[in-house]
Amino acid sequence: MATASDNKALLEEVYAAFFAGDLERWFGFIDDDSALIEADCLPYGGEHRGTAAIRAAIGTILECWDDGRFDIDEIYASDTSAIAYGTMHWTARATGTRISFRLAEHWTFNGRKVRAVTPVYGDTALVLSALGLR
């Protein structure tokens, strides 16, 4: 069974792969039992379950945003999950607008696989405005 320390280290690996642009490594943590649950109001919102659906959602996210960085203040972990809290920075492709907003992401794990990730945005109105949708 994983420990809190294991899950914190795993989440650090997951983020390192994503923000290094190593999406194939990142997708190695995803399987058909995984879910990505985004805020419904976003262009990539909703529950995306399974490898194909999560690949499609990540594709849409990367069509919307460029030059992403997540400055993590803290990762809180248990033997089944982890929460990362910090500031997300993105540039909207449609408008060129650079934004920063507070973000928390709740991750649950089954061994070294993601069971679910739910981002909790500090300001979805700012995100929609940057995308030119408000």
N, C-alpha and C. Protein backbone atom coordinates (compact mmCIF):
# COMPACT_ATOMS: atom_id res chain seq x y z
N MET A 1 0.84 -1.19 0.00
CA MET A 1 0.00 0.00 0.00
C MET A 1 0.88 1.25 0.00
N ALA A 2 0.47 2.25 -0.76
CA ALA A 2 1.21 3.50 -0.84
C ALA A 2 1.10 4.27 0.46
N THR A 3 2.12 5.04 0.73
CA THR A 3 2.13 5.93 1.89
C THR A 3 1.88 7.36 1.42
N ALA A 4 1.65 8.25 2.34
CA ALA A 4 1.51 9.66 1.99
C ALA A 4 2.75 10.17 1.27
N SER A 5 3.89 9.75 1.74
CA SER A 5 5.16 10.16 1.12
C SER A 5 5.26 9.63 -0.32
N ASP A 6 4.83 8.38 -0.54
CA ASP A 6 4.82 7.80 -1.90
C ASP A 6 3.93 8.63 -2.82
N ASN A 7 2.74 9.00 -2.34
CA ASN A 7 1.79 9.73 -3.18
C ASN A 7 2.25 11.16 -3.45
N LYS A 8 2.91 11.76 -2.50
CA LYS A 8 3.47 13.10 -2.74
C LYS A 8 4.54 13.01 -3.83
N ALA A 9 5.42 12.03 -3.73
CA ALA A 9 6.47 11.85 -4.74
C ALA A 9 5.87 11.51 -6.10
N LEU A 10 4.82 10.70 -6.12
CA LEU A 10 4.15 10.35 -7.38
C LEU A 10 3.56 11.60 -8.02
N LEU A 11 2.89 12.43 -7.24
CA LEU A 11 2.29 13.64 -7.80
C LEU A 11 3.37 14.58 -8.34
N GLU A 12 4.49 14.67 -7.67
CA GLU A 12 5.60 15.48 -8.19
C GLU A 12 6.07 14.94 -9.53
N GLU A 13 6.12 13.62 -9.70
CA GLU A 13 6.47 13.01 -10.99
C GLU A 13 5.45 13.34 -12.07
N VAL A 14 4.18 13.26 -11.71
CA VAL A 14 3.09 13.54 -12.65
C VAL A 14 3.21 14.98 -13.16
N TYR A 15 3.38 15.93 -12.25
CA TYR A 15 3.52 17.33 -12.65
C TYR A 15 4.79 17.56 -13.46
N ALA A 16 5.89 16.96 -13.06
CA ALA A 16 7.15 17.14 -13.79
C ALA A 16 6.99 16.68 -15.24
N ALA A 17 6.34 15.55 -15.45
CA ALA A 17 6.13 15.05 -16.82
C ALA A 17 5.27 16.01 -17.62
N PHE A 18 4.16 16.46 -17.04
CA PHE A 18 3.23 17.32 -17.77
C PHE A 18 3.89 18.64 -18.16
N PHE A 19 4.51 19.31 -17.21
CA PHE A 19 5.05 20.64 -17.48
C PHE A 19 6.38 20.60 -18.22
N ALA A 20 6.98 19.42 -18.35
CA ALA A 20 8.15 19.26 -19.23
C ALA A 20 7.70 18.96 -20.66
N GLY A 21 6.39 18.80 -20.85
CA GLY A 21 5.87 18.49 -22.17
C GLY A 21 5.98 17.02 -22.54
N ASP A 22 6.30 16.17 -21.56
CA ASP A 22 6.42 14.74 -21.80
C ASP A 22 5.06 14.08 -21.58
N LEU A 23 4.14 14.34 -22.53
CA LEU A 23 2.77 13.86 -22.36
C LEU A 23 2.66 12.35 -22.41
N GLU A 24 3.50 11.69 -23.17
CA GLU A 24 3.43 10.22 -23.19
C GLU A 24 3.76 9.65 -21.81
N ARG A 25 4.73 10.24 -21.15
CA ARG A 25 5.03 9.79 -19.78
C ARG A 25 3.85 10.12 -18.86
N TRP A 26 3.29 11.32 -19.03
CA TRP A 26 2.15 11.72 -18.22
C TRP A 26 0.98 10.76 -18.43
N PHE A 27 0.70 10.42 -19.69
CA PHE A 27 -0.41 9.49 -19.97
C PHE A 27 -0.13 8.09 -19.45
N GLY A 28 1.11 7.77 -19.13
CA GLY A 28 1.43 6.49 -18.52
C GLY A 28 0.81 6.33 -17.13
N PHE A 29 0.42 7.44 -16.52
CA PHE A 29 -0.23 7.40 -15.21
C PHE A 29 -1.75 7.27 -15.33
N ILE A 30 -2.26 7.30 -16.56
CA ILE A 30 -3.70 7.31 -16.84
C ILE A 30 -4.12 5.97 -17.44
N ASP A 31 -5.29 5.48 -17.05
CA ASP A 31 -5.83 4.28 -17.69
C ASP A 31 -7.34 4.42 -17.82
N ASP A 32 -8.02 3.37 -18.26
CA ASP A 32 -9.46 3.45 -18.48
C ASP A 32 -10.27 3.53 -17.19
N ASP A 33 -9.63 3.41 -16.04
CA ASP A 33 -10.32 3.61 -14.77
C ASP A 33 -10.11 5.02 -14.24
N SER A 34 -9.35 5.83 -14.96
CA SER A 34 -9.04 7.20 -14.52
C SER A 34 -10.13 8.17 -14.93
N ALA A 35 -10.23 9.28 -14.18
CA ALA A 35 -11.18 10.34 -14.52
C ALA A 35 -10.53 11.70 -14.30
N LEU A 36 -10.82 12.62 -15.21
CA LEU A 36 -10.46 14.03 -15.09
C LEU A 36 -11.77 14.78 -15.01
N ILE A 37 -11.96 15.52 -13.94
CA ILE A 37 -13.23 16.20 -13.70
C ILE A 37 -12.97 17.71 -13.65
N GLU A 38 -13.29 18.38 -14.76
CA GLU A 38 -13.05 19.82 -14.90
C GLU A 38 -14.34 20.60 -14.66
N ALA A 39 -14.20 21.87 -14.30
CA ALA A 39 -15.36 22.75 -14.09
C ALA A 39 -16.22 22.78 -15.35
N ASP A 40 -17.51 22.57 -15.18
CA ASP A 40 -18.44 22.48 -16.32
C ASP A 40 -18.44 23.72 -17.21
N CYS A 41 -18.16 24.89 -16.66
CA CYS A 41 -18.25 26.12 -17.43
C CYS A 41 -17.08 26.31 -18.41
N LEU A 42 -16.04 25.51 -18.31
CA LEU A 42 -14.86 25.67 -19.16
C LEU A 42 -15.04 24.93 -20.48
N PRO A 43 -14.35 25.33 -21.54
CA PRO A 43 -14.50 24.67 -22.84
C PRO A 43 -14.12 23.18 -22.81
N TYR A 44 -13.35 22.78 -21.82
CA TYR A 44 -12.94 21.40 -21.64
C TYR A 44 -13.58 20.81 -20.38
N GLY A 45 -14.70 21.41 -19.96
CA GLY A 45 -15.36 21.02 -18.72
C GLY A 45 -16.07 19.69 -18.81
N GLY A 46 -16.37 19.17 -17.63
CA GLY A 46 -17.10 17.91 -17.50
C GLY A 46 -16.23 16.79 -16.98
N GLU A 47 -16.84 15.62 -16.90
CA GLU A 47 -16.12 14.43 -16.44
C GLU A 47 -15.62 13.66 -17.66
N HIS A 48 -14.33 13.47 -17.72
CA HIS A 48 -13.68 12.74 -18.81
C HIS A 48 -13.13 11.44 -18.21
N ARG A 49 -13.70 10.33 -18.62
CA ARG A 49 -13.34 9.04 -18.02
C ARG A 49 -12.67 8.16 -19.06
N GLY A 50 -11.53 7.61 -18.66
CA GLY A 50 -10.79 6.69 -19.52
C GLY A 50 -9.72 7.39 -20.34
N THR A 51 -8.82 6.59 -20.83
CA THR A 51 -7.65 7.10 -21.54
C THR A 51 -8.02 7.98 -22.73
N ALA A 52 -8.91 7.51 -23.59
CA ALA A 52 -9.26 8.27 -24.80
C ALA A 52 -9.92 9.60 -24.45
N ALA A 53 -10.84 9.60 -23.51
CA ALA A 53 -11.53 10.83 -23.12
C ALA A 53 -10.58 11.82 -22.48
N ILE A 54 -9.67 11.34 -21.65
CA ILE A 54 -8.72 12.23 -21.00
C ILE A 54 -7.72 12.78 -22.02
N ARG A 55 -7.29 11.95 -22.97
CA ARG A 55 -6.42 12.45 -24.06
C ARG A 55 -7.11 13.57 -24.83
N ALA A 56 -8.39 13.39 -25.13
CA ALA A 56 -9.14 14.41 -25.86
C ALA A 56 -9.25 15.70 -25.04
N ALA A 57 -9.54 15.58 -23.75
CA ALA A 57 -9.66 16.75 -22.89
C ALA A 57 -8.33 17.49 -22.78
N ILE A 58 -7.24 16.76 -22.60
CA ILE A 58 -5.92 17.39 -22.52
C ILE A 58 -5.59 18.07 -23.85
N GLY A 59 -5.97 17.44 -24.95
CA GLY A 59 -5.78 18.07 -26.26
C GLY A 59 -6.51 19.41 -26.34
N THR A 60 -7.74 19.45 -25.85
CA THR A 60 -8.51 20.70 -25.86
C THR A 60 -7.87 21.73 -24.94
N ILE A 61 -7.43 21.31 -23.77
CA ILE A 61 -6.75 22.23 -22.85
C ILE A 61 -5.53 22.84 -23.52
N LEU A 62 -4.74 22.01 -24.18
CA LEU A 62 -3.52 22.51 -24.82
C LEU A 62 -3.81 23.32 -26.08
N GLU A 63 -5.00 23.17 -26.67
CA GLU A 63 -5.41 24.06 -27.76
C GLU A 63 -5.78 25.44 -27.21
N CYS A 64 -6.24 25.48 -25.97
CA CYS A 64 -6.64 26.74 -25.34
C CYS A 64 -5.46 27.51 -24.74
N TRP A 65 -4.49 26.78 -24.22
CA TRP A 65 -3.44 27.39 -23.40
C TRP A 65 -2.04 27.07 -23.91
N ASP A 66 -1.13 27.96 -23.59
CA ASP A 66 0.28 27.79 -23.92
C ASP A 66 1.11 28.26 -22.73
N ASP A 67 2.34 27.82 -22.68
CA ASP A 67 3.31 28.34 -21.71
C ASP A 67 2.81 28.19 -20.28
N GLY A 68 2.37 26.98 -19.92
CA GLY A 68 1.82 26.74 -18.59
C GLY A 68 2.89 26.47 -17.54
N ARG A 69 2.59 26.92 -16.34
CA ARG A 69 3.45 26.66 -15.19
C ARG A 69 2.57 26.63 -13.94
N PHE A 70 2.82 25.69 -13.06
CA PHE A 70 2.09 25.60 -11.80
C PHE A 70 3.11 25.76 -10.67
N ASP A 71 3.06 26.90 -10.00
CA ASP A 71 3.93 27.14 -8.84
C ASP A 71 3.22 26.57 -7.62
N ILE A 72 3.70 25.44 -7.17
CA ILE A 72 3.05 24.73 -6.08
C ILE A 72 3.56 25.25 -4.74
N ASP A 73 2.62 25.68 -3.90
CA ASP A 73 2.96 26.11 -2.55
C ASP A 73 3.11 24.92 -1.62
N GLU A 74 2.22 23.94 -1.80
CA GLU A 74 2.21 22.81 -0.89
C GLU A 74 1.51 21.63 -1.53
N ILE A 75 1.98 20.44 -1.21
CA ILE A 75 1.28 19.20 -1.54
C ILE A 75 0.97 18.50 -0.23
N TYR A 76 -0.31 18.26 -0.01
CA TYR A 76 -0.77 17.52 1.16
C TYR A 76 -1.16 16.13 0.66
N ALA A 77 -0.66 15.10 1.30
CA ALA A 77 -0.90 13.74 0.80
C ALA A 77 -1.34 12.81 1.93
N SER A 78 -2.07 11.77 1.51
CA SER A 78 -2.45 10.66 2.39
C SER A 78 -2.06 9.38 1.68
N ASP A 79 -2.49 8.25 2.20
CA ASP A 79 -2.14 6.97 1.57
C ASP A 79 -2.98 6.67 0.34
N THR A 80 -3.98 7.51 0.03
CA THR A 80 -4.82 7.29 -1.16
C THR A 80 -4.91 8.51 -2.08
N SER A 81 -4.49 9.68 -1.60
CA SER A 81 -4.71 10.88 -2.40
C SER A 81 -3.68 11.96 -2.08
N ALA A 82 -3.74 13.02 -2.88
CA ALA A 82 -2.90 14.19 -2.64
C ALA A 82 -3.63 15.42 -3.16
N ILE A 83 -3.37 16.54 -2.51
CA ILE A 83 -3.89 17.83 -2.95
C ILE A 83 -2.71 18.76 -3.14
N ALA A 84 -2.63 19.34 -4.33
CA ALA A 84 -1.61 20.35 -4.62
C ALA A 84 -2.31 21.70 -4.63
N TYR A 85 -1.67 22.69 -4.02
CA TYR A 85 -2.23 24.04 -3.96
C TYR A 85 -1.16 25.03 -4.37
N GLY A 86 -1.53 25.95 -5.26
CA GLY A 86 -0.57 26.94 -5.68
C GLY A 86 -1.16 27.92 -6.67
N THR A 87 -0.29 28.45 -7.53
CA THR A 87 -0.70 29.43 -8.54
C THR A 87 -0.39 28.88 -9.92
N MET A 88 -1.42 28.86 -10.76
CA MET A 88 -1.29 28.42 -12.15
C MET A 88 -1.07 29.64 -13.02
N HIS A 89 -0.19 29.49 -14.00
CA HIS A 89 0.09 30.54 -14.97
C HIS A 89 -0.09 29.94 -16.36
N TRP A 90 -0.88 30.61 -17.21
CA TRP A 90 -1.12 30.17 -18.59
C TRP A 90 -1.20 31.40 -19.48
N THR A 91 -0.93 31.19 -20.75
CA THR A 91 -1.20 32.19 -21.77
C THR A 91 -2.28 31.63 -22.68
N ALA A 92 -3.37 32.40 -22.83
CA ALA A 92 -4.47 31.97 -23.69
C ALA A 92 -4.05 32.10 -25.15
N ARG A 93 -4.16 31.02 -25.89
CA ARG A 93 -3.77 31.04 -27.31
C ARG A 93 -4.66 31.99 -28.12
N ALA A 94 -5.95 32.04 -27.82
CA ALA A 94 -6.89 32.83 -28.62
C ALA A 94 -6.67 34.33 -28.47
N THR A 95 -6.24 34.77 -27.29
CA THR A 95 -6.13 36.21 -27.03
C THR A 95 -4.72 36.68 -26.72
N GLY A 96 -3.83 35.75 -26.41
CA GLY A 96 -2.47 36.13 -26.00
C GLY A 96 -2.39 36.64 -24.57
N THR A 97 -3.49 36.58 -23.85
CA THR A 97 -3.55 37.07 -22.48
C THR A 97 -2.86 36.10 -21.53
N ARG A 98 -1.94 36.62 -20.72
CA ARG A 98 -1.26 35.83 -19.69
C ARG A 98 -2.02 36.01 -18.39
N ILE A 99 -2.40 34.91 -17.75
CA ILE A 99 -3.11 35.00 -16.48
C ILE A 99 -2.43 34.13 -15.42
N SER A 100 -2.71 34.49 -14.19
CA SER A 100 -2.28 33.71 -13.02
C SER A 100 -3.49 33.62 -12.10
N PHE A 101 -3.71 32.44 -11.56
CA PHE A 101 -4.84 32.25 -10.66
C PHE A 101 -4.52 31.14 -9.67
N ARG A 102 -5.17 31.20 -8.53
CA ARG A 102 -4.99 30.17 -7.50
C ARG A 102 -5.70 28.90 -7.96
N LEU A 103 -5.08 27.77 -7.65
CA LEU A 103 -5.61 26.48 -8.08
C LEU A 103 -5.28 25.43 -7.04
N ALA A 104 -6.25 24.57 -6.80
CA ALA A 104 -6.03 23.36 -6.01
C ALA A 104 -6.44 22.19 -6.90
N GLU A 105 -5.68 21.10 -6.83
CA GLU A 105 -6.05 19.89 -7.55
C GLU A 105 -6.05 18.73 -6.59
N HIS A 106 -7.17 18.01 -6.58
CA HIS A 106 -7.30 16.82 -5.74
C HIS A 106 -7.08 15.59 -6.61
N TRP A 107 -6.09 14.81 -6.27
CA TRP A 107 -5.72 13.60 -7.01
C TRP A 107 -5.96 12.39 -6.12
N THR A 108 -6.59 11.34 -6.67
CA THR A 108 -6.66 10.06 -5.97
C THR A 108 -5.91 9.03 -6.82
N PHE A 109 -5.31 8.07 -6.14
CA PHE A 109 -4.43 7.11 -6.80
C PHE A 109 -4.82 5.68 -6.45
N ASN A 110 -4.49 4.79 -7.37
CA ASN A 110 -4.56 3.35 -7.14
C ASN A 110 -3.19 2.82 -7.55
N GLY A 111 -2.33 2.63 -6.57
CA GLY A 111 -0.94 2.29 -6.88
C GLY A 111 -0.31 3.48 -7.57
N ARG A 112 0.28 3.26 -8.74
CA ARG A 112 0.93 4.34 -9.48
C ARG A 112 0.05 4.85 -10.62
N LYS A 113 -1.24 4.60 -10.53
CA LYS A 113 -2.20 5.09 -11.53
C LYS A 113 -3.12 6.13 -10.90
N VAL A 114 -3.51 7.09 -11.72
CA VAL A 114 -4.46 8.11 -11.30
C VAL A 114 -5.86 7.51 -11.33
N ARG A 115 -6.58 7.59 -10.23
CA ARG A 115 -8.00 7.22 -10.23
C ARG A 115 -8.83 8.40 -10.66
N ALA A 116 -8.50 9.60 -10.12
CA ALA A 116 -9.24 10.80 -10.49
C ALA A 116 -8.43 12.04 -10.15
N VAL A 117 -8.64 13.08 -10.94
CA VAL A 117 -8.09 14.40 -10.63
C VAL A 117 -9.20 15.42 -10.84
N THR A 118 -9.36 16.29 -9.85
CA THR A 118 -10.37 17.34 -9.90
C THR A 118 -9.69 18.68 -9.61
N PRO A 119 -9.50 19.51 -10.63
CA PRO A 119 -8.99 20.86 -10.39
C PRO A 119 -10.09 21.75 -9.80
N VAL A 120 -9.72 22.60 -8.85
CA VAL A 120 -10.64 23.56 -8.25
C VAL A 120 -10.04 24.95 -8.51
N TYR A 121 -10.66 25.68 -9.44
CA TYR A 121 -10.15 26.96 -9.89
C TYR A 121 -10.51 28.08 -8.92
N GLY A 122 -9.56 28.95 -8.65
CA GLY A 122 -9.82 30.11 -7.81
C GLY A 122 -10.65 31.16 -8.51
N ASP A 123 -10.62 31.20 -9.87
CA ASP A 123 -11.33 32.25 -10.60
C ASP A 123 -11.65 31.79 -12.02
N THR A 124 -12.75 31.10 -12.20
CA THR A 124 -13.12 30.65 -13.55
C THR A 124 -13.54 31.82 -14.44
N ALA A 125 -14.03 32.91 -13.86
CA ALA A 125 -14.39 34.09 -14.67
C ALA A 125 -13.14 34.65 -15.34
N LEU A 126 -12.03 34.71 -14.63
CA LEU A 126 -10.77 35.17 -15.20
C LEU A 126 -10.32 34.24 -16.34
N VAL A 127 -10.45 32.94 -16.11
CA VAL A 127 -10.06 31.95 -17.12
C VAL A 127 -10.90 32.14 -18.38
N LEU A 128 -12.21 32.27 -18.24
CA LEU A 128 -13.08 32.45 -19.40
C LEU A 128 -12.80 33.77 -20.11
N SER A 129 -12.54 34.81 -19.36
CA SER A 129 -12.23 36.11 -19.96
C SER A 129 -10.94 36.04 -20.78
N ALA A 130 -9.91 35.38 -20.25
CA ALA A 130 -8.65 35.25 -20.97
C ALA A 130 -8.84 34.48 -22.27
N LEU A 131 -9.74 33.51 -22.25
CA LEU A 131 -10.02 32.71 -23.45
C LEU A 131 -10.90 33.45 -24.45
N GLY A 132 -11.37 34.65 -24.07
CA GLY A 132 -12.24 35.42 -24.95
C GLY A 132 -13.67 34.93 -24.96
N LEU A 133 -14.06 34.23 -23.90
CA LEU A 133 -15.40 33.64 -23.82
C LEU A 133 -16.33 34.41 -22.89
N ARG A 134 -15.87 35.53 -22.38
CA ARG A 134 -16.70 36.37 -21.49
C ARG A 134 -16.49 37.80 -21.81
